[in-house]
Amino acid sequence: MSNQKIETRTIRELCEALNRLESSEEIRRFLTDLCTPMELVAMADRWRVAKLLAREVPYRKIYEKTGVSTATITRVARSMTRGEGGYMLLINRLDNPQKTPLKEATLES
């Protein structure tokens, strides 16, 4: 089996594991065990940048507000325009809380 197939399967398994977590606290506990403190900070920084970019805050203002490097801001912006759409999916879902989370929608289907 190729490394790419193994990696894809492992990522899918990780996504399934995350989907089984039932609360923000469970997600926090899992991510704290899974990631180093610096990895968690980096992910939180990217999330904060994505939310600001979605509100069309200029890069310079994001840098001034967050201290996140312009390289990171640029990478997040690139992911938002050329990526899988994950940032905007979740930003939109949080802005419209009446939408049903995936786990609940799957259980009802």
N, C-alpha and C. Protein backbone atom coordinates (compact mmCIF):
# COMPACT_ATOMS: atom_id res chain seq x y z
N MET A 1 0.86 -1.18 0.00
CA MET A 1 0.00 0.00 0.00
C MET A 1 0.90 1.24 0.00
N SER A 2 0.55 2.23 -0.83
CA SER A 2 1.38 3.43 -0.92
C SER A 2 1.23 4.29 0.32
N ASN A 3 2.26 5.11 0.55
CA ASN A 3 2.22 6.02 1.70
C ASN A 3 1.04 6.99 1.59
N GLN A 4 0.71 7.41 0.36
CA GLN A 4 -0.40 8.34 0.18
C GLN A 4 -1.72 7.69 0.58
N LYS A 5 -1.94 6.43 0.23
CA LYS A 5 -3.18 5.75 0.62
C LYS A 5 -3.25 5.57 2.13
N ILE A 6 -2.11 5.23 2.75
CA ILE A 6 -2.07 5.08 4.20
C ILE A 6 -2.38 6.41 4.86
N GLU A 7 -1.75 7.49 4.35
CA GLU A 7 -1.96 8.82 4.91
C GLU A 7 -3.42 9.23 4.77
N THR A 8 -4.00 9.00 3.61
CA THR A 8 -5.40 9.35 3.38
C THR A 8 -6.31 8.56 4.32
N ARG A 9 -6.05 7.27 4.48
CA ARG A 9 -6.86 6.44 5.38
C ARG A 9 -6.72 6.94 6.82
N THR A 10 -5.50 7.26 7.22
CA THR A 10 -5.26 7.73 8.58
C THR A 10 -5.95 9.06 8.83
N ILE A 11 -5.92 9.95 7.87
CA ILE A 11 -6.61 11.24 8.01
C ILE A 11 -8.11 11.01 8.11
N ARG A 12 -8.64 10.12 7.29
CA ARG A 12 -10.08 9.80 7.35
C ARG A 12 -10.44 9.24 8.73
N GLU A 13 -9.58 8.37 9.27
CA GLU A 13 -9.82 7.80 10.61
C GLU A 13 -9.79 8.90 11.67
N LEU A 14 -8.87 9.85 11.54
CA LEU A 14 -8.80 10.96 12.48
C LEU A 14 -10.08 11.79 12.40
N CYS A 15 -10.55 12.04 11.19
CA CYS A 15 -11.80 12.81 11.03
C CYS A 15 -12.97 12.08 11.66
N GLU A 16 -13.03 10.78 11.48
CA GLU A 16 -14.10 9.99 12.11
C GLU A 16 -14.00 10.05 13.63
N ALA A 17 -12.78 10.01 14.16
CA ALA A 17 -12.60 10.10 15.60
C ALA A 17 -13.08 11.46 16.11
N LEU A 18 -12.72 12.54 15.41
CA LEU A 18 -13.17 13.88 15.81
C LEU A 18 -14.69 13.99 15.76
N ASN A 19 -15.30 13.36 14.78
CA ASN A 19 -16.75 13.42 14.65
C ASN A 19 -17.47 12.72 15.81
N ARG A 20 -16.79 11.83 16.48
CA ARG A 20 -17.42 11.12 17.61
C ARG A 20 -17.32 11.89 18.92
N LEU A 21 -16.53 12.95 18.95
CA LEU A 21 -16.44 13.76 20.16
C LEU A 21 -17.76 14.52 20.33
N GLU A 22 -18.22 14.64 21.57
CA GLU A 22 -19.57 15.13 21.81
C GLU A 22 -19.67 16.54 22.38
N SER A 23 -18.56 17.16 22.69
CA SER A 23 -18.63 18.51 23.26
C SER A 23 -17.34 19.26 22.97
N SER A 24 -17.40 20.56 23.14
CA SER A 24 -16.20 21.38 22.99
C SER A 24 -15.12 20.95 23.98
N GLU A 25 -15.53 20.57 25.17
CA GLU A 25 -14.57 20.12 26.19
C GLU A 25 -13.88 18.83 25.75
N GLU A 26 -14.63 17.89 25.19
CA GLU A 26 -14.01 16.65 24.71
C GLU A 26 -13.04 16.94 23.56
N ILE A 27 -13.41 17.85 22.68
CA ILE A 27 -12.53 18.22 21.57
C ILE A 27 -11.26 18.85 22.12
N ARG A 28 -11.40 19.76 23.07
CA ARG A 28 -10.23 20.41 23.68
C ARG A 28 -9.31 19.36 24.29
N ARG A 29 -9.87 18.42 25.05
CA ARG A 29 -9.06 17.39 25.70
C ARG A 29 -8.32 16.55 24.67
N PHE A 30 -9.02 16.16 23.60
CA PHE A 30 -8.40 15.34 22.57
C PHE A 30 -7.28 16.11 21.87
N LEU A 31 -7.56 17.35 21.47
CA LEU A 31 -6.54 18.15 20.78
C LEU A 31 -5.33 18.43 21.67
N THR A 32 -5.57 18.62 22.96
CA THR A 32 -4.47 18.85 23.90
C THR A 32 -3.58 17.62 23.99
N ASP A 33 -4.18 16.44 23.95
CA ASP A 33 -3.38 15.21 23.95
C ASP A 33 -2.70 14.96 22.61
N LEU A 34 -3.38 15.29 21.53
CA LEU A 34 -2.87 15.02 20.19
C LEU A 34 -1.75 15.96 19.77
N CYS A 35 -1.86 17.22 20.12
CA CYS A 35 -0.96 18.26 19.62
C CYS A 35 -0.03 18.78 20.70
N THR A 36 1.09 19.33 20.26
CA THR A 36 1.96 20.04 21.19
C THR A 36 1.31 21.39 21.50
N PRO A 37 1.72 22.03 22.58
CA PRO A 37 1.17 23.36 22.87
C PRO A 37 1.38 24.33 21.71
N MET A 38 2.53 24.27 21.06
CA MET A 38 2.79 25.19 19.94
C MET A 38 1.91 24.88 18.73
N GLU A 39 1.61 23.60 18.49
CA GLU A 39 0.71 23.24 17.40
C GLU A 39 -0.69 23.78 17.66
N LEU A 40 -1.14 23.67 18.90
CA LEU A 40 -2.46 24.21 19.26
C LEU A 40 -2.51 25.72 19.09
N VAL A 41 -1.46 26.40 19.51
CA VAL A 41 -1.40 27.86 19.35
C VAL A 41 -1.43 28.21 17.87
N ALA A 42 -0.68 27.47 17.06
CA ALA A 42 -0.64 27.74 15.62
C ALA A 42 -2.02 27.55 14.99
N MET A 43 -2.71 26.48 15.37
CA MET A 43 -4.06 26.25 14.83
C MET A 43 -5.02 27.35 15.28
N ALA A 44 -4.93 27.73 16.55
CA ALA A 44 -5.80 28.79 17.06
C ALA A 44 -5.52 30.10 16.35
N ASP A 45 -4.23 30.38 16.09
CA ASP A 45 -3.86 31.59 15.34
C ASP A 45 -4.46 31.57 13.94
N ARG A 46 -4.36 30.44 13.26
CA ARG A 46 -4.90 30.33 11.89
C ARG A 46 -6.41 30.53 11.90
N TRP A 47 -7.07 29.96 12.89
CA TRP A 47 -8.52 30.12 12.99
C TRP A 47 -8.89 31.59 13.21
N ARG A 48 -8.16 32.25 14.10
CA ARG A 48 -8.42 33.67 14.37
C ARG A 48 -8.21 34.49 13.10
N VAL A 49 -7.14 34.20 12.37
CA VAL A 49 -6.85 34.91 11.11
C VAL A 49 -7.97 34.65 10.10
N ALA A 50 -8.41 33.41 9.98
CA ALA A 50 -9.47 33.08 9.01
C ALA A 50 -10.74 33.88 9.30
N LYS A 51 -11.10 33.98 10.57
CA LYS A 51 -12.31 34.73 10.91
C LYS A 51 -12.16 36.20 10.54
N LEU A 52 -10.97 36.76 10.76
CA LEU A 52 -10.74 38.16 10.41
C LEU A 52 -10.73 38.35 8.89
N LEU A 53 -10.10 37.43 8.16
CA LEU A 53 -10.10 37.50 6.70
C LEU A 53 -11.52 37.40 6.15
N ALA A 54 -12.34 36.57 6.75
CA ALA A 54 -13.73 36.43 6.31
C ALA A 54 -14.50 37.74 6.48
N ARG A 55 -14.08 38.55 7.44
CA ARG A 55 -14.70 39.87 7.65
C ARG A 55 -14.00 40.94 6.82
N GLU A 56 -13.06 40.50 5.95
CA GLU A 56 -12.33 41.37 5.04
C GLU A 56 -11.45 42.39 5.76
N VAL A 57 -10.91 42.00 6.90
CA VAL A 57 -9.96 42.84 7.61
C VAL A 57 -8.64 42.79 6.82
N PRO A 58 -8.01 43.94 6.55
CA PRO A 58 -6.75 43.95 5.80
C PRO A 58 -5.63 43.21 6.53
N TYR A 59 -4.71 42.64 5.75
CA TYR A 59 -3.59 41.87 6.31
C TYR A 59 -2.85 42.66 7.38
N ARG A 60 -2.56 43.93 7.11
CA ARG A 60 -1.79 44.74 8.06
C ARG A 60 -2.53 44.85 9.39
N LYS A 61 -3.83 45.06 9.34
CA LYS A 61 -4.63 45.16 10.58
C LYS A 61 -4.64 43.82 11.32
N ILE A 62 -4.71 42.72 10.56
CA ILE A 62 -4.68 41.40 11.20
C ILE A 62 -3.35 41.21 11.91
N TYR A 63 -2.27 41.57 11.24
CA TYR A 63 -0.94 41.45 11.85
C TYR A 63 -0.87 42.30 13.12
N GLU A 64 -1.33 43.54 13.04
CA GLU A 64 -1.28 44.43 14.20
C GLU A 64 -2.14 43.91 15.35
N LYS A 65 -3.28 43.34 15.02
CA LYS A 65 -4.22 42.86 16.05
C LYS A 65 -3.76 41.55 16.68
N THR A 66 -3.16 40.66 15.88
CA THR A 66 -2.86 39.31 16.35
C THR A 66 -1.39 39.02 16.58
N GLY A 67 -0.51 39.74 15.87
CA GLY A 67 0.91 39.43 15.94
C GLY A 67 1.29 38.21 15.10
N VAL A 68 0.31 37.64 14.38
CA VAL A 68 0.57 36.49 13.52
C VAL A 68 1.36 36.97 12.31
N SER A 69 2.35 36.19 11.90
CA SER A 69 3.21 36.61 10.79
C SER A 69 2.41 36.80 9.50
N THR A 70 2.91 37.69 8.66
CA THR A 70 2.24 37.92 7.38
C THR A 70 2.30 36.67 6.52
N ALA A 71 3.32 35.83 6.69
CA ALA A 71 3.40 34.58 5.94
C ALA A 71 2.23 33.66 6.32
N THR A 72 1.92 33.59 7.60
CA THR A 72 0.79 32.77 8.05
C THR A 72 -0.52 33.35 7.55
N ILE A 73 -0.66 34.66 7.62
CA ILE A 73 -1.88 35.31 7.12
C ILE A 73 -2.07 34.99 5.64
N THR A 74 -1.00 35.06 4.88
CA THR A 74 -1.05 34.77 3.45
C THR A 74 -1.41 33.31 3.21
N ARG A 75 -0.84 32.38 3.99
CA ARG A 75 -1.16 30.96 3.83
C ARG A 75 -2.63 30.69 4.13
N VAL A 76 -3.15 31.31 5.18
CA VAL A 76 -4.57 31.13 5.52
C VAL A 76 -5.43 31.69 4.40
N ALA A 77 -5.08 32.87 3.90
CA ALA A 77 -5.85 33.48 2.81
C ALA A 77 -5.83 32.58 1.58
N ARG A 78 -4.69 31.99 1.27
CA ARG A 78 -4.58 31.08 0.13
C ARG A 78 -5.47 29.86 0.34
N SER A 79 -5.46 29.32 1.55
CA SER A 79 -6.32 28.18 1.85
C SER A 79 -7.80 28.55 1.71
N MET A 80 -8.12 29.76 2.07
CA MET A 80 -9.52 30.19 1.98
C MET A 80 -9.98 30.37 0.54
N THR A 81 -9.06 30.70 -0.36
CA THR A 81 -9.45 30.90 -1.76
C THR A 81 -9.22 29.66 -2.62
N ARG A 82 -8.21 28.85 -2.29
CA ARG A 82 -7.88 27.69 -3.13
C ARG A 82 -8.00 26.36 -2.42
N GLY A 83 -8.44 26.38 -1.19
CA GLY A 83 -8.48 25.16 -0.39
C GLY A 83 -9.78 24.39 -0.56
N GLU A 84 -10.10 23.62 0.45
CA GLU A 84 -11.27 22.74 0.44
C GLU A 84 -12.56 23.44 0.89
N GLY A 85 -12.44 24.68 1.35
CA GLY A 85 -13.62 25.41 1.80
C GLY A 85 -13.98 25.18 3.27
N GLY A 86 -13.08 24.53 3.99
CA GLY A 86 -13.35 24.20 5.38
C GLY A 86 -13.47 25.40 6.30
N TYR A 87 -12.61 26.38 6.09
CA TYR A 87 -12.69 27.58 6.94
C TYR A 87 -14.07 28.23 6.81
N MET A 88 -14.49 28.49 5.57
CA MET A 88 -15.75 29.19 5.36
C MET A 88 -16.94 28.33 5.76
N LEU A 89 -16.84 27.04 5.57
CA LEU A 89 -17.91 26.14 6.01
C LEU A 89 -18.20 26.35 7.50
N LEU A 90 -17.15 26.33 8.29
CA LEU A 90 -17.33 26.45 9.73
C LEU A 90 -17.67 27.88 10.15
N ILE A 91 -17.05 28.85 9.51
CA ILE A 91 -17.38 30.25 9.81
C ILE A 91 -18.86 30.50 9.53
N ASN A 92 -19.34 30.04 8.39
CA ASN A 92 -20.76 30.21 8.06
C ASN A 92 -21.66 29.45 9.02
N ARG A 93 -21.24 28.27 9.39
CA ARG A 93 -22.05 27.47 10.32
C ARG A 93 -22.13 28.15 11.69
N LEU A 94 -21.04 28.75 12.13
CA LEU A 94 -21.05 29.45 13.42
C LEU A 94 -21.87 30.73 13.35
N ASP A 95 -21.88 31.36 12.17
CA ASP A 95 -22.69 32.57 11.98
C ASP A 95 -24.18 32.25 11.88
N ASN A 96 -24.50 31.01 11.54
CA ASN A 96 -25.89 30.55 11.40
C ASN A 96 -26.10 29.33 12.27
N PRO A 97 -26.20 29.52 13.58
CA PRO A 97 -26.23 28.38 14.50
C PRO A 97 -27.44 27.46 14.34
N GLN A 98 -28.45 27.86 13.58
CA GLN A 98 -29.60 26.98 13.41
C GLN A 98 -29.27 25.79 12.51
N LYS A 99 -28.14 25.84 11.78
CA LYS A 99 -27.76 24.70 10.95
C LYS A 99 -27.35 23.53 11.85
N THR A 100 -27.68 22.33 11.42
CA THR A 100 -27.43 21.13 12.19
C THR A 100 -25.99 20.65 11.99
N PRO A 101 -25.26 20.36 13.07
CA PRO A 101 -23.92 19.80 12.93
C PRO A 101 -23.96 18.45 12.22
N LEU A 102 -22.85 18.07 11.61
CA LEU A 102 -22.74 16.84 10.82
C LEU A 102 -23.17 15.61 11.61
N LYS A 103 -22.69 15.47 12.82
CA LYS A 103 -22.98 14.27 13.62
C LYS A 103 -24.48 14.12 13.81
N GLU A 104 -25.16 15.19 14.17
CA GLU A 104 -26.60 15.12 14.40
C GLU A 104 -27.34 14.85 13.09
N ALA A 105 -26.90 15.48 12.01
CA ALA A 105 -27.54 15.27 10.71
C ALA A 105 -27.37 13.82 10.28
N THR A 106 -26.22 13.24 10.52
CA THR A 106 -25.96 11.85 10.14
C THR A 106 -26.85 10.91 10.93
N LEU A 107 -27.02 11.17 12.20
CA LEU A 107 -27.84 10.31 13.03
C LEU A 107 -29.32 10.34 12.63
N GLU A 108 -29.78 11.48 12.14
CA GLU A 108 -31.18 11.62 11.77
C GLU A 108 -31.46 11.05 10.39
N SER A 109 -30.45 10.96 9.55
CA SER A 109 -30.64 10.51 8.16
C SER A 109 -30.92 9.03 8.08
